[in-house]
């Protein structure tokens, strides 16, 4: 993400809520204002249909984050 940001390319990282505090702390330490979208945790045990459902729920938020800058 850091390389993408430095090149001025739009991007967004998707994390589960479990990692929100760690991501925000890392961003504060590095002064990195990356776009991030958070989804429910966990992801690993989900079926393909459940993953598609999660993706559909954040699709508009991801597009908004990519096009915001």
N, C-alpha and C. Protein backbone atom coordinates (compact mmCIF):
# COMPACT_ATOMS: atom_id res chain seq x y z
N UNK A 1 0.82 -1.19 0.00
CA UNK A 1 0.00 0.00 0.00
C UNK A 1 0.86 1.25 0.00
N UNK A 2 1.93 1.22 0.77
CA UNK A 2 2.78 2.39 0.88
C UNK A 2 3.36 2.77 -0.48
N UNK A 3 3.82 1.78 -1.25
CA UNK A 3 4.35 2.06 -2.59
C UNK A 3 3.28 2.61 -3.52
N UNK A 4 2.10 2.05 -3.44
CA UNK A 4 0.99 2.53 -4.28
C UNK A 4 0.69 3.98 -3.94
N UNK A 5 0.64 4.31 -2.65
CA UNK A 5 0.36 5.67 -2.22
C UNK A 5 1.44 6.63 -2.69
N UNK A 6 2.69 6.23 -2.55
CA UNK A 6 3.80 7.10 -2.96
C UNK A 6 3.79 7.38 -4.46
N UNK A 7 3.25 6.47 -5.24
CA UNK A 7 3.16 6.66 -6.68
C UNK A 7 1.93 7.47 -7.07
N UNK A 8 1.10 7.79 -6.09
CA UNK A 8 -0.09 8.58 -6.37
C UNK A 8 -1.22 7.78 -7.00
N UNK A 9 -1.16 6.48 -6.89
CA UNK A 9 -2.20 5.63 -7.46
C UNK A 9 -3.32 5.42 -6.44
N UNK A 10 -4.55 5.41 -6.87
CA UNK A 10 -5.64 5.18 -5.92
C UNK A 10 -5.63 3.73 -5.46
N UNK A 11 -5.89 3.55 -4.19
CA UNK A 11 -5.93 2.20 -3.65
C UNK A 11 -6.69 2.18 -2.33
N UNK A 12 -7.06 1.02 -1.93
CA UNK A 12 -7.73 0.83 -0.65
C UNK A 12 -7.38 -0.56 -0.14
N UNK A 13 -7.13 -0.64 1.14
CA UNK A 13 -6.86 -1.93 1.77
C UNK A 13 -8.12 -2.38 2.50
N UNK A 14 -8.36 -3.67 2.49
CA UNK A 14 -9.52 -4.23 3.17
C UNK A 14 -9.02 -5.11 4.30
N UNK A 15 -9.45 -4.79 5.52
CA UNK A 15 -9.07 -5.52 6.71
C UNK A 15 -10.32 -5.96 7.44
N UNK A 16 -10.17 -6.94 8.32
CA UNK A 16 -11.28 -7.27 9.19
C UNK A 16 -11.23 -6.36 10.41
N UNK A 17 -12.37 -6.19 11.04
CA UNK A 17 -12.48 -5.32 12.23
C UNK A 17 -11.48 -5.70 13.31
N UNK A 18 -11.13 -6.96 13.38
CA UNK A 18 -10.17 -7.45 14.38
C UNK A 18 -8.85 -6.68 14.33
N UNK A 19 -8.48 -6.18 13.17
CA UNK A 19 -7.19 -5.54 12.99
C UNK A 19 -7.26 -4.02 12.93
N UNK A 20 -8.43 -3.43 13.16
CA UNK A 20 -8.60 -1.98 13.04
C UNK A 20 -7.61 -1.20 13.91
N UNK A 21 -7.50 -1.53 15.18
CA UNK A 21 -6.61 -0.76 16.07
C UNK A 21 -5.16 -0.87 15.64
N UNK A 22 -4.74 -2.05 15.19
CA UNK A 22 -3.36 -2.22 14.72
C UNK A 22 -3.09 -1.43 13.46
N UNK A 23 -4.03 -1.44 12.54
CA UNK A 23 -3.88 -0.69 11.29
C UNK A 23 -3.80 0.80 11.58
N UNK A 24 -4.69 1.29 12.43
CA UNK A 24 -4.69 2.71 12.75
C UNK A 24 -3.42 3.13 13.49
N UNK A 25 -2.92 2.28 14.38
CA UNK A 25 -1.66 2.58 15.08
C UNK A 25 -0.50 2.63 14.09
N UNK A 26 -0.46 1.68 13.16
CA UNK A 26 0.60 1.65 12.15
C UNK A 26 0.54 2.91 11.30
N UNK A 27 -0.66 3.30 10.90
CA UNK A 27 -0.80 4.51 10.09
C UNK A 27 -0.33 5.75 10.85
N UNK A 28 -0.64 5.82 12.14
CA UNK A 28 -0.19 6.96 12.95
C UNK A 28 1.33 7.00 13.06
N UNK A 29 1.95 5.86 13.29
CA UNK A 29 3.41 5.79 13.44
C UNK A 29 4.11 6.20 12.16
N UNK A 30 3.58 5.77 11.03
CA UNK A 30 4.23 6.03 9.75
C UNK A 30 3.71 7.27 9.03
N UNK A 31 2.72 7.95 9.60
CA UNK A 31 2.17 9.13 8.95
C UNK A 31 1.56 8.81 7.60
N UNK A 32 0.95 7.67 7.52
CA UNK A 32 0.43 7.16 6.26
C UNK A 32 -1.09 7.19 6.30
N UNK A 33 -1.68 7.99 5.43
CA UNK A 33 -3.13 8.17 5.44
C UNK A 33 -3.77 7.33 4.34
N UNK A 34 -3.63 6.02 4.47
CA UNK A 34 -4.17 5.12 3.46
C UNK A 34 -5.66 4.93 3.65
N UNK A 35 -6.33 4.70 2.55
CA UNK A 35 -7.74 4.34 2.62
C UNK A 35 -7.86 2.91 3.10
N UNK A 36 -8.77 2.68 4.03
CA UNK A 36 -9.00 1.33 4.54
C UNK A 36 -10.50 1.11 4.70
N UNK A 37 -10.91 -0.08 4.37
CA UNK A 37 -12.29 -0.50 4.56
C UNK A 37 -12.25 -1.72 5.47
N UNK A 38 -13.15 -1.77 6.42
CA UNK A 38 -13.16 -2.86 7.38
C UNK A 38 -14.41 -3.71 7.21
N UNK A 39 -14.20 -5.03 7.28
CA UNK A 39 -15.31 -5.98 7.18
C UNK A 39 -15.34 -6.82 8.45
N UNK A 40 -16.44 -7.54 8.63
CA UNK A 40 -16.57 -8.40 9.80
C UNK A 40 -15.49 -9.48 9.82
N UNK A 41 -15.12 -9.86 11.03
CA UNK A 41 -14.12 -10.91 11.26
C UNK A 41 -14.86 -12.14 11.75
N UNK A 42 -14.45 -13.32 11.41
CA UNK A 42 -13.33 -13.74 10.56
C UNK A 42 -13.75 -13.91 9.11
N UNK A 43 -12.75 -14.16 8.27
CA UNK A 43 -13.00 -14.37 6.85
C UNK A 43 -12.69 -15.82 6.45
N UNK A 44 -11.67 -16.37 7.04
CA UNK A 44 -11.16 -17.68 6.63
C UNK A 44 -12.22 -18.79 6.54
N UNK A 45 -13.16 -18.92 7.50
CA UNK A 45 -14.09 -20.05 7.42
C UNK A 45 -15.30 -19.82 6.50
N UNK A 46 -15.35 -18.69 5.84
CA UNK A 46 -16.53 -18.37 5.03
C UNK A 46 -16.58 -19.17 3.74
N UNK A 47 -17.79 -19.41 3.29
CA UNK A 47 -17.98 -20.03 1.98
C UNK A 47 -17.81 -18.96 0.90
N UNK A 48 -17.72 -19.39 -0.33
CA UNK A 48 -17.60 -18.44 -1.44
C UNK A 48 -18.81 -17.51 -1.46
N UNK A 49 -19.99 -18.04 -1.24
CA UNK A 49 -21.20 -17.21 -1.24
C UNK A 49 -21.14 -16.18 -0.11
N UNK A 50 -20.65 -16.56 1.04
CA UNK A 50 -20.54 -15.62 2.16
C UNK A 50 -19.50 -14.54 1.88
N UNK A 51 -18.41 -14.92 1.23
CA UNK A 51 -17.39 -13.92 0.84
C UNK A 51 -17.96 -12.94 -0.17
N UNK A 52 -18.72 -13.44 -1.12
CA UNK A 52 -19.35 -12.55 -2.11
C UNK A 52 -20.31 -11.59 -1.42
N UNK A 53 -21.03 -12.07 -0.43
CA UNK A 53 -21.96 -11.21 0.32
C UNK A 53 -21.20 -10.10 1.03
N UNK A 54 -20.09 -10.43 1.67
CA UNK A 54 -19.29 -9.39 2.35
C UNK A 54 -18.74 -8.40 1.35
N UNK A 55 -18.29 -8.88 0.21
CA UNK A 55 -17.76 -7.99 -0.83
C UNK A 55 -18.85 -7.04 -1.33
N UNK A 56 -20.03 -7.57 -1.54
CA UNK A 56 -21.14 -6.74 -2.02
C UNK A 56 -21.50 -5.67 -0.99
N UNK A 57 -21.40 -6.01 0.29
CA UNK A 57 -21.77 -5.04 1.34
C UNK A 57 -20.81 -3.86 1.42
N UNK A 58 -19.55 -4.05 1.01
CA UNK A 58 -18.57 -2.94 1.09
C UNK A 58 -18.18 -2.38 -0.27
N UNK A 59 -18.78 -2.89 -1.33
CA UNK A 59 -18.41 -2.48 -2.68
C UNK A 59 -18.46 -0.96 -2.86
N UNK A 60 -19.57 -0.34 -2.49
CA UNK A 60 -19.71 1.10 -2.66
C UNK A 60 -18.68 1.86 -1.83
N UNK A 61 -18.39 1.36 -0.64
CA UNK A 61 -17.40 2.01 0.23
C UNK A 61 -16.00 1.90 -0.39
N UNK A 62 -15.68 0.77 -0.99
CA UNK A 62 -14.38 0.59 -1.64
C UNK A 62 -14.26 1.55 -2.82
N UNK A 63 -15.27 1.61 -3.65
CA UNK A 63 -15.24 2.51 -4.81
C UNK A 63 -15.10 3.97 -4.35
N UNK A 64 -15.83 4.34 -3.31
CA UNK A 64 -15.74 5.71 -2.79
C UNK A 64 -14.34 5.99 -2.27
N UNK A 65 -13.72 5.04 -1.61
CA UNK A 65 -12.37 5.24 -1.07
C UNK A 65 -11.35 5.38 -2.20
N UNK A 66 -11.51 4.61 -3.24
CA UNK A 66 -10.56 4.65 -4.37
C UNK A 66 -10.68 5.97 -5.13
N UNK A 67 -11.88 6.49 -5.23
CA UNK A 67 -12.09 7.69 -6.03
C UNK A 67 -12.08 8.98 -5.22
N UNK A 68 -11.85 8.88 -3.91
CA UNK A 68 -11.91 10.07 -3.03
C UNK A 68 -10.74 11.01 -3.22
N UNK A 69 -9.60 10.51 -3.57
CA UNK A 69 -8.41 11.38 -3.63
C UNK A 69 -8.14 11.85 -5.02
